[in-house]
N, C-alpha and C. Protein backbone atom coordinates (compact mmCIF):
# COMPACT_ATOMS: atom_id res chain seq x y z
N MET A 1 74.54 -266.89 281.98
CA MET A 1 74.23 -266.44 283.31
C MET A 1 75.41 -266.66 284.26
N TYR A 2 75.90 -267.88 284.33
CA TYR A 2 77.06 -268.18 285.17
C TYR A 2 78.23 -268.52 284.26
N ARG A 3 79.07 -267.53 284.01
CA ARG A 3 80.20 -267.73 283.10
C ARG A 3 81.41 -268.35 283.78
N HIS A 4 81.57 -268.06 285.08
CA HIS A 4 82.76 -268.53 285.79
C HIS A 4 82.35 -269.01 287.18
N ILE A 5 82.49 -270.30 287.41
CA ILE A 5 82.05 -270.91 288.67
C ILE A 5 83.27 -271.36 289.47
N LEU A 6 83.33 -270.93 290.72
CA LEU A 6 84.38 -271.37 291.64
C LEU A 6 83.86 -272.59 292.40
N VAL A 7 84.70 -273.62 292.45
CA VAL A 7 84.30 -274.89 293.07
C VAL A 7 85.32 -275.26 294.14
N PRO A 8 85.07 -274.89 295.40
CA PRO A 8 85.96 -275.32 296.48
C PRO A 8 85.79 -276.82 296.73
N LEU A 9 86.91 -277.52 296.78
CA LEU A 9 86.90 -278.96 297.04
C LEU A 9 87.65 -279.22 298.33
N GLU A 10 87.23 -280.27 299.05
CA GLU A 10 87.88 -280.57 300.32
C GLU A 10 88.58 -281.92 300.33
N ASN A 11 88.70 -282.53 299.16
CA ASN A 11 89.36 -283.83 299.06
C ASN A 11 88.65 -284.85 299.96
N SER A 12 87.32 -284.90 299.81
CA SER A 12 86.49 -285.84 300.57
C SER A 12 85.40 -286.38 299.64
N ALA A 13 84.61 -287.29 300.16
CA ALA A 13 83.52 -287.87 299.38
C ALA A 13 82.50 -286.81 298.95
N ALA A 14 82.40 -285.72 299.70
CA ALA A 14 81.44 -284.66 299.35
C ALA A 14 81.75 -284.04 297.99
N ASP A 15 83.00 -284.11 297.57
CA ASP A 15 83.38 -283.53 296.28
C ASP A 15 82.66 -284.19 295.12
N GLU A 16 82.38 -285.48 295.22
CA GLU A 16 81.70 -286.20 294.13
C GLU A 16 80.38 -285.53 293.78
N THR A 17 79.61 -285.20 294.79
CA THR A 17 78.31 -284.59 294.58
C THR A 17 78.44 -283.21 293.95
N VAL A 18 79.34 -282.40 294.47
CA VAL A 18 79.53 -281.05 293.94
C VAL A 18 79.99 -281.11 292.49
N ILE A 19 80.93 -281.98 292.19
CA ILE A 19 81.44 -282.11 290.82
C ILE A 19 80.32 -282.52 289.87
N ARG A 20 79.50 -283.45 290.29
CA ARG A 20 78.39 -283.91 289.44
C ARG A 20 77.45 -282.74 289.12
N HIS A 21 77.08 -281.97 290.11
CA HIS A 21 76.16 -280.85 289.90
C HIS A 21 76.80 -279.73 289.07
N VAL A 22 78.03 -279.38 289.39
CA VAL A 22 78.66 -278.27 288.70
C VAL A 22 78.99 -278.63 287.25
N THR A 23 79.22 -279.89 286.98
CA THR A 23 79.44 -280.34 285.60
C THR A 23 78.19 -280.07 284.76
N GLN A 24 77.03 -280.38 285.31
CA GLN A 24 75.78 -280.11 284.59
C GLN A 24 75.58 -278.61 284.37
N LEU A 25 75.85 -277.81 285.41
CA LEU A 25 75.73 -276.35 285.26
C LEU A 25 76.67 -275.82 284.18
N ALA A 26 77.90 -276.30 284.19
CA ALA A 26 78.88 -275.84 283.20
C ALA A 26 78.42 -276.17 281.78
N ARG A 27 77.83 -277.33 281.61
CA ARG A 27 77.33 -277.70 280.27
C ARG A 27 76.15 -276.83 279.86
N ILE A 28 75.24 -276.59 280.77
CA ILE A 28 74.04 -275.80 280.46
C ILE A 28 74.41 -274.35 280.13
N PHE A 29 75.28 -273.75 280.94
CA PHE A 29 75.60 -272.33 280.78
C PHE A 29 76.88 -272.06 279.99
N GLY A 30 77.60 -273.11 279.62
CA GLY A 30 78.88 -272.91 278.94
C GLY A 30 79.91 -272.27 279.86
N SER A 31 79.82 -272.59 281.13
CA SER A 31 80.69 -271.97 282.14
C SER A 31 82.09 -272.56 282.13
N ARG A 32 83.01 -271.74 282.59
CA ARG A 32 84.34 -272.28 282.89
C ARG A 32 84.39 -272.48 284.41
N LEU A 33 85.14 -273.48 284.83
CA LEU A 33 85.23 -273.82 286.24
C LEU A 33 86.63 -273.53 286.76
N THR A 34 86.68 -273.10 288.00
CA THR A 34 87.95 -273.00 288.70
C THR A 34 87.80 -273.81 289.98
N LEU A 35 88.61 -274.85 290.10
CA LEU A 35 88.63 -275.67 291.30
C LEU A 35 89.63 -275.07 292.27
N ILE A 36 89.29 -275.08 293.56
CA ILE A 36 90.24 -274.63 294.58
C ILE A 36 90.19 -275.60 295.75
N HIS A 37 91.34 -275.88 296.28
CA HIS A 37 91.44 -276.61 297.54
C HIS A 37 92.37 -275.80 298.42
N VAL A 38 92.00 -275.65 299.69
CA VAL A 38 92.83 -274.89 300.61
C VAL A 38 93.50 -275.86 301.58
N ALA A 39 94.81 -276.02 301.42
CA ALA A 39 95.59 -276.82 302.36
C ALA A 39 95.68 -276.03 303.65
N ASP A 40 95.37 -276.68 304.77
CA ASP A 40 95.31 -275.92 306.02
C ASP A 40 96.05 -276.57 307.18
N GLY A 41 96.98 -277.46 306.89
CA GLY A 41 97.82 -278.02 307.95
C GLY A 41 98.86 -277.00 308.40
N TYR A 42 99.69 -277.37 309.36
CA TYR A 42 100.69 -276.44 309.90
C TYR A 42 101.59 -275.89 308.79
N VAL A 43 102.13 -276.77 307.97
CA VAL A 43 103.04 -276.32 306.91
C VAL A 43 102.31 -275.38 305.96
N ALA A 44 101.09 -275.75 305.57
CA ALA A 44 100.34 -274.92 304.63
C ALA A 44 100.04 -273.54 305.20
N ARG A 45 99.65 -273.50 306.47
CA ARG A 45 99.32 -272.20 307.09
C ARG A 45 100.54 -271.30 307.27
N ASN A 46 101.72 -271.90 307.31
CA ASN A 46 102.95 -271.13 307.53
C ASN A 46 103.91 -271.19 306.34
N TYR A 47 103.42 -271.69 305.23
CA TYR A 47 104.23 -271.97 304.05
C TYR A 47 105.03 -270.76 303.57
N LYS A 48 104.35 -269.66 303.34
CA LYS A 48 105.02 -268.47 302.80
C LYS A 48 105.85 -267.75 303.86
N GLU A 49 105.27 -267.56 305.03
CA GLU A 49 105.94 -266.79 306.08
C GLU A 49 107.26 -267.43 306.50
N LEU A 50 107.29 -268.76 306.57
CA LEU A 50 108.49 -269.46 307.04
C LEU A 50 109.31 -270.05 305.90
N ASN A 51 108.89 -269.79 304.67
CA ASN A 51 109.60 -270.29 303.49
C ASN A 51 109.83 -271.81 303.58
N LEU A 52 108.75 -272.53 303.87
CA LEU A 52 108.82 -273.98 304.07
C LEU A 52 108.69 -274.72 302.74
N ALA A 53 109.18 -275.94 302.73
CA ALA A 53 108.97 -276.83 301.59
C ALA A 53 107.54 -277.37 301.67
N PRO A 54 106.92 -277.68 300.54
CA PRO A 54 105.56 -278.24 300.57
C PRO A 54 105.54 -279.55 301.37
N SER A 55 104.48 -279.72 302.14
CA SER A 55 104.31 -280.96 302.91
C SER A 55 103.80 -282.07 301.98
N GLN A 56 103.87 -283.29 302.46
CA GLN A 56 103.34 -284.42 301.69
C GLN A 56 101.84 -284.21 301.43
N GLU A 57 101.14 -283.70 302.43
CA GLU A 57 99.70 -283.44 302.27
C GLU A 57 99.45 -282.42 301.17
N MET A 58 100.26 -281.38 301.11
CA MET A 58 100.10 -280.36 300.07
C MET A 58 100.36 -280.96 298.69
N LEU A 59 101.38 -281.79 298.58
CA LEU A 59 101.68 -282.44 297.30
C LEU A 59 100.53 -283.35 296.87
N GLU A 60 99.96 -284.09 297.83
CA GLU A 60 98.82 -284.96 297.52
C GLU A 60 97.60 -284.14 297.13
N ASP A 61 97.38 -283.03 297.81
CA ASP A 61 96.26 -282.15 297.46
C ASP A 61 96.41 -281.60 296.05
N LYS A 62 97.63 -281.23 295.68
CA LYS A 62 97.89 -280.71 294.33
C LYS A 62 97.61 -281.79 293.29
N GLU A 63 98.05 -283.02 293.55
CA GLU A 63 97.78 -284.13 292.63
C GLU A 63 96.28 -284.38 292.51
N TYR A 64 95.58 -284.33 293.64
CA TYR A 64 94.13 -284.53 293.64
C TYR A 64 93.45 -283.48 292.76
N LEU A 65 93.81 -282.22 292.93
CA LEU A 65 93.23 -281.15 292.11
C LEU A 65 93.53 -281.36 290.63
N GLU A 66 94.75 -281.75 290.32
CA GLU A 66 95.13 -281.96 288.92
C GLU A 66 94.33 -283.11 288.30
N ARG A 67 94.08 -284.17 289.07
CA ARG A 67 93.26 -285.28 288.56
C ARG A 67 91.83 -284.82 288.30
N ARG A 68 91.28 -284.06 289.24
CA ARG A 68 89.92 -283.54 289.08
C ARG A 68 89.84 -282.61 287.87
N GLN A 69 90.82 -281.75 287.73
CA GLN A 69 90.86 -280.83 286.60
C GLN A 69 90.91 -281.61 285.29
N GLN A 70 91.78 -282.59 285.20
CA GLN A 70 91.93 -283.35 283.96
C GLN A 70 90.65 -284.09 283.60
N ALA A 71 89.97 -284.65 284.59
CA ALA A 71 88.72 -285.37 284.33
C ALA A 71 87.68 -284.43 283.72
N LEU A 72 87.62 -283.19 284.20
CA LEU A 72 86.67 -282.22 283.64
C LEU A 72 87.11 -281.76 282.25
N LEU A 73 88.40 -281.54 282.08
CA LEU A 73 88.91 -281.17 280.75
C LEU A 73 88.60 -282.27 279.74
N ASP A 74 88.73 -283.52 280.16
CA ASP A 74 88.44 -284.66 279.28
C ASP A 74 86.97 -284.68 278.85
N GLN A 75 86.10 -284.05 279.64
CA GLN A 75 84.68 -283.96 279.29
C GLN A 75 84.38 -282.70 278.48
N GLY A 76 85.41 -281.96 278.14
CA GLY A 76 85.22 -280.76 277.33
C GLY A 76 84.85 -279.52 278.11
N ILE A 77 85.08 -279.53 279.42
CA ILE A 77 84.72 -278.38 280.26
C ILE A 77 85.99 -277.61 280.60
N GLU A 78 86.00 -276.33 280.23
CA GLU A 78 87.16 -275.48 280.53
C GLU A 78 87.33 -275.40 282.04
N THR A 79 88.48 -275.84 282.52
CA THR A 79 88.70 -275.94 283.96
C THR A 79 90.14 -275.58 284.32
N SER A 80 90.27 -274.80 285.39
CA SER A 80 91.58 -274.53 285.96
C SER A 80 91.54 -274.97 287.42
N ALA A 81 92.70 -275.08 288.04
CA ALA A 81 92.76 -275.53 289.43
C ALA A 81 93.78 -274.69 290.19
N HIS A 82 93.49 -274.48 291.47
CA HIS A 82 94.37 -273.66 292.30
C HIS A 82 94.45 -274.28 293.69
N LEU A 83 95.67 -274.46 294.17
CA LEU A 83 95.90 -274.91 295.55
C LEU A 83 96.29 -273.69 296.36
N ALA A 84 95.48 -273.36 297.35
CA ALA A 84 95.77 -272.23 298.24
C ALA A 84 96.23 -272.79 299.59
N CYS A 85 96.81 -271.93 300.38
CA CYS A 85 97.29 -272.33 301.70
C CYS A 85 96.77 -271.34 302.73
N GLY A 86 96.29 -271.86 303.86
CA GLY A 86 95.85 -270.98 304.93
C GLY A 86 94.53 -271.39 305.52
N GLU A 87 93.78 -270.40 305.97
CA GLU A 87 92.48 -270.64 306.59
C GLU A 87 91.47 -270.79 305.45
N PRO A 88 90.77 -271.93 305.35
CA PRO A 88 89.95 -272.22 304.18
C PRO A 88 88.93 -271.14 303.81
N ALA A 89 88.10 -270.71 304.73
CA ALA A 89 87.06 -269.74 304.37
C ALA A 89 87.68 -268.43 303.86
N ALA A 90 88.68 -267.94 304.55
CA ALA A 90 89.31 -266.68 304.15
C ALA A 90 89.95 -266.79 302.76
N GLU A 91 90.60 -267.90 302.50
CA GLU A 91 91.25 -268.08 301.20
C GLU A 91 90.23 -268.21 300.07
N ILE A 92 89.13 -268.91 300.32
CA ILE A 92 88.08 -269.06 299.30
C ILE A 92 87.46 -267.70 299.00
N VAL A 93 87.15 -266.94 300.03
CA VAL A 93 86.55 -265.61 299.85
C VAL A 93 87.51 -264.70 299.07
N ARG A 94 88.78 -264.68 299.45
CA ARG A 94 89.77 -263.85 298.77
C ARG A 94 89.90 -264.26 297.30
N PHE A 95 90.00 -265.57 297.07
CA PHE A 95 90.20 -266.06 295.70
C PHE A 95 88.97 -265.79 294.83
N ALA A 96 87.78 -265.94 295.40
CA ALA A 96 86.54 -265.66 294.65
C ALA A 96 86.54 -264.22 294.15
N SER A 97 86.98 -263.31 294.99
CA SER A 97 87.06 -261.91 294.60
C SER A 97 88.14 -261.69 293.55
N ASP A 98 89.29 -262.32 293.74
CA ASP A 98 90.41 -262.16 292.80
C ASP A 98 90.05 -262.60 291.38
N ILE A 99 89.34 -263.72 291.26
CA ILE A 99 89.05 -264.26 289.93
C ILE A 99 87.73 -263.75 289.36
N GLU A 100 86.99 -262.99 290.17
CA GLU A 100 85.71 -262.42 289.75
C GLU A 100 84.74 -263.49 289.24
N CYS A 101 84.60 -264.55 290.01
CA CYS A 101 83.62 -265.58 289.65
C CYS A 101 82.22 -265.02 289.85
N ASP A 102 81.23 -265.65 289.23
CA ASP A 102 79.87 -265.19 289.43
C ASP A 102 78.99 -266.23 290.12
N LEU A 103 79.58 -267.33 290.56
CA LEU A 103 78.88 -268.34 291.36
C LEU A 103 79.92 -269.18 292.08
N ILE A 104 79.60 -269.55 293.31
CA ILE A 104 80.42 -270.50 294.06
C ILE A 104 79.52 -271.70 294.35
N THR A 105 80.02 -272.89 294.08
CA THR A 105 79.25 -274.11 294.34
C THR A 105 80.00 -274.94 295.37
N MET A 106 79.33 -275.23 296.51
CA MET A 106 79.98 -275.93 297.62
C MET A 106 79.08 -277.02 298.19
N ALA A 107 79.70 -278.02 298.80
CA ALA A 107 78.95 -279.03 299.55
C ALA A 107 78.55 -278.43 300.89
N THR A 108 77.40 -278.86 301.41
CA THR A 108 76.95 -278.34 302.70
C THR A 108 77.65 -279.00 303.86
N HIS A 109 78.22 -280.17 303.66
CA HIS A 109 79.04 -280.81 304.68
C HIS A 109 79.93 -281.85 304.04
N GLY A 110 80.66 -282.54 304.85
CA GLY A 110 81.66 -283.49 304.39
C GLY A 110 82.86 -283.29 305.27
N HIS A 111 82.57 -283.04 306.54
CA HIS A 111 83.59 -282.66 307.51
C HIS A 111 84.80 -283.59 307.49
N ARG A 112 85.97 -282.99 307.30
CA ARG A 112 87.21 -283.76 307.34
C ARG A 112 87.74 -283.82 308.76
N LEU A 113 87.46 -282.81 309.52
CA LEU A 113 88.01 -282.73 310.87
C LEU A 113 86.88 -282.48 311.86
N LEU A 114 87.03 -283.05 313.05
CA LEU A 114 86.03 -282.83 314.09
C LEU A 114 85.88 -281.34 314.37
N GLY A 115 86.95 -280.60 314.22
CA GLY A 115 86.91 -279.16 314.45
C GLY A 115 85.93 -278.44 313.55
N ASP A 116 85.69 -278.97 312.34
CA ASP A 116 84.71 -278.35 311.44
C ASP A 116 83.34 -278.30 312.09
N VAL A 117 83.02 -279.33 312.85
CA VAL A 117 81.71 -279.43 313.47
C VAL A 117 81.59 -278.42 314.61
N PHE A 118 82.62 -278.32 315.44
CA PHE A 118 82.55 -277.48 316.63
C PHE A 118 82.90 -276.01 316.37
N LEU A 119 83.78 -275.75 315.45
CA LEU A 119 84.24 -274.39 315.22
C LEU A 119 83.44 -273.66 314.15
N GLY A 120 82.58 -274.37 313.46
CA GLY A 120 81.78 -273.72 312.44
C GLY A 120 82.19 -274.17 311.06
N SER A 121 81.28 -274.08 310.18
CA SER A 121 81.45 -274.59 308.83
C SER A 121 82.12 -273.58 307.91
N VAL A 122 83.05 -274.06 307.11
CA VAL A 122 83.66 -273.23 306.08
C VAL A 122 82.57 -272.72 305.14
N THR A 123 81.65 -273.60 304.79
CA THR A 123 80.55 -273.22 303.90
C THR A 123 79.76 -272.05 304.46
N ARG A 124 79.41 -272.13 305.73
CA ARG A 124 78.63 -271.07 306.36
C ARG A 124 79.42 -269.76 306.34
N SER A 125 80.68 -269.81 306.66
CA SER A 125 81.50 -268.61 306.68
C SER A 125 81.61 -267.98 305.29
N VAL A 126 81.85 -268.81 304.29
CA VAL A 126 81.99 -268.30 302.92
C VAL A 126 80.70 -267.63 302.47
N ARG A 127 79.58 -268.30 302.65
CA ARG A 127 78.34 -267.75 302.11
C ARG A 127 77.95 -266.42 302.74
N HIS A 128 78.42 -266.16 303.95
CA HIS A 128 78.11 -264.88 304.60
C HIS A 128 79.10 -263.78 304.23
N ARG A 129 80.20 -264.13 303.58
CA ARG A 129 81.25 -263.14 303.33
C ARG A 129 81.45 -262.77 301.86
N VAL A 130 80.81 -263.49 300.94
CA VAL A 130 81.01 -263.19 299.52
C VAL A 130 79.85 -262.37 298.96
N LYS A 131 80.09 -261.77 297.81
CA LYS A 131 79.07 -260.93 297.17
C LYS A 131 78.42 -261.61 295.97
N VAL A 132 78.76 -262.87 295.73
CA VAL A 132 78.18 -263.62 294.62
C VAL A 132 77.31 -264.74 295.18
N PRO A 133 76.37 -265.26 294.38
CA PRO A 133 75.54 -266.36 294.85
C PRO A 133 76.39 -267.59 295.20
N VAL A 134 75.91 -268.32 296.20
CA VAL A 134 76.56 -269.57 296.60
C VAL A 134 75.52 -270.67 296.49
N LEU A 135 75.80 -271.65 295.65
CA LEU A 135 74.93 -272.81 295.49
C LEU A 135 75.42 -273.89 296.45
N LEU A 136 74.57 -274.26 297.40
CA LEU A 136 74.93 -275.28 298.38
C LEU A 136 74.31 -276.60 297.97
N VAL A 137 75.16 -277.60 297.81
CA VAL A 137 74.72 -278.92 297.37
C VAL A 137 74.87 -279.88 298.54
N PRO A 138 73.77 -280.48 299.01
CA PRO A 138 73.89 -281.44 300.10
C PRO A 138 74.78 -282.61 299.70
N SER A 139 75.72 -282.92 300.54
CA SER A 139 76.63 -284.03 300.27
C SER A 139 75.85 -285.32 300.11
N GLY A 140 76.22 -286.10 299.09
CA GLY A 140 75.57 -287.39 298.87
C GLY A 140 74.30 -287.32 298.05
N ARG A 141 73.96 -286.16 297.51
CA ARG A 141 72.72 -286.02 296.72
C ARG A 141 73.00 -286.08 295.25
């Protein structure tokens, strides 16, 4: 049913819950997982246009994704990882279409920045803009 699941991660405690749930889904359905994190600091948002060097935050995000990927691979789950740069919701929506996933699994919250609360949720934006089902997992469950 779900052959390819996209798992946006935000490098926060909310990721633990999403990973736990998506691991079970991958085992049940034999799914492959693609992890994505969208770096959205100044350097990340202007990385390509200004031909900038990766920021320390971007390097740490890449290492975080690689650790998460390896942990899932060690459990026998086919997993790839992608670090994107830019506006999180737009990048997740674009990438979901590019890889033709058939499910997106996200935490419902886990705000890293106060702006997430006031400007609107990445999760809310993604679920209204994609054409595939979105499984929302309450953080901490």
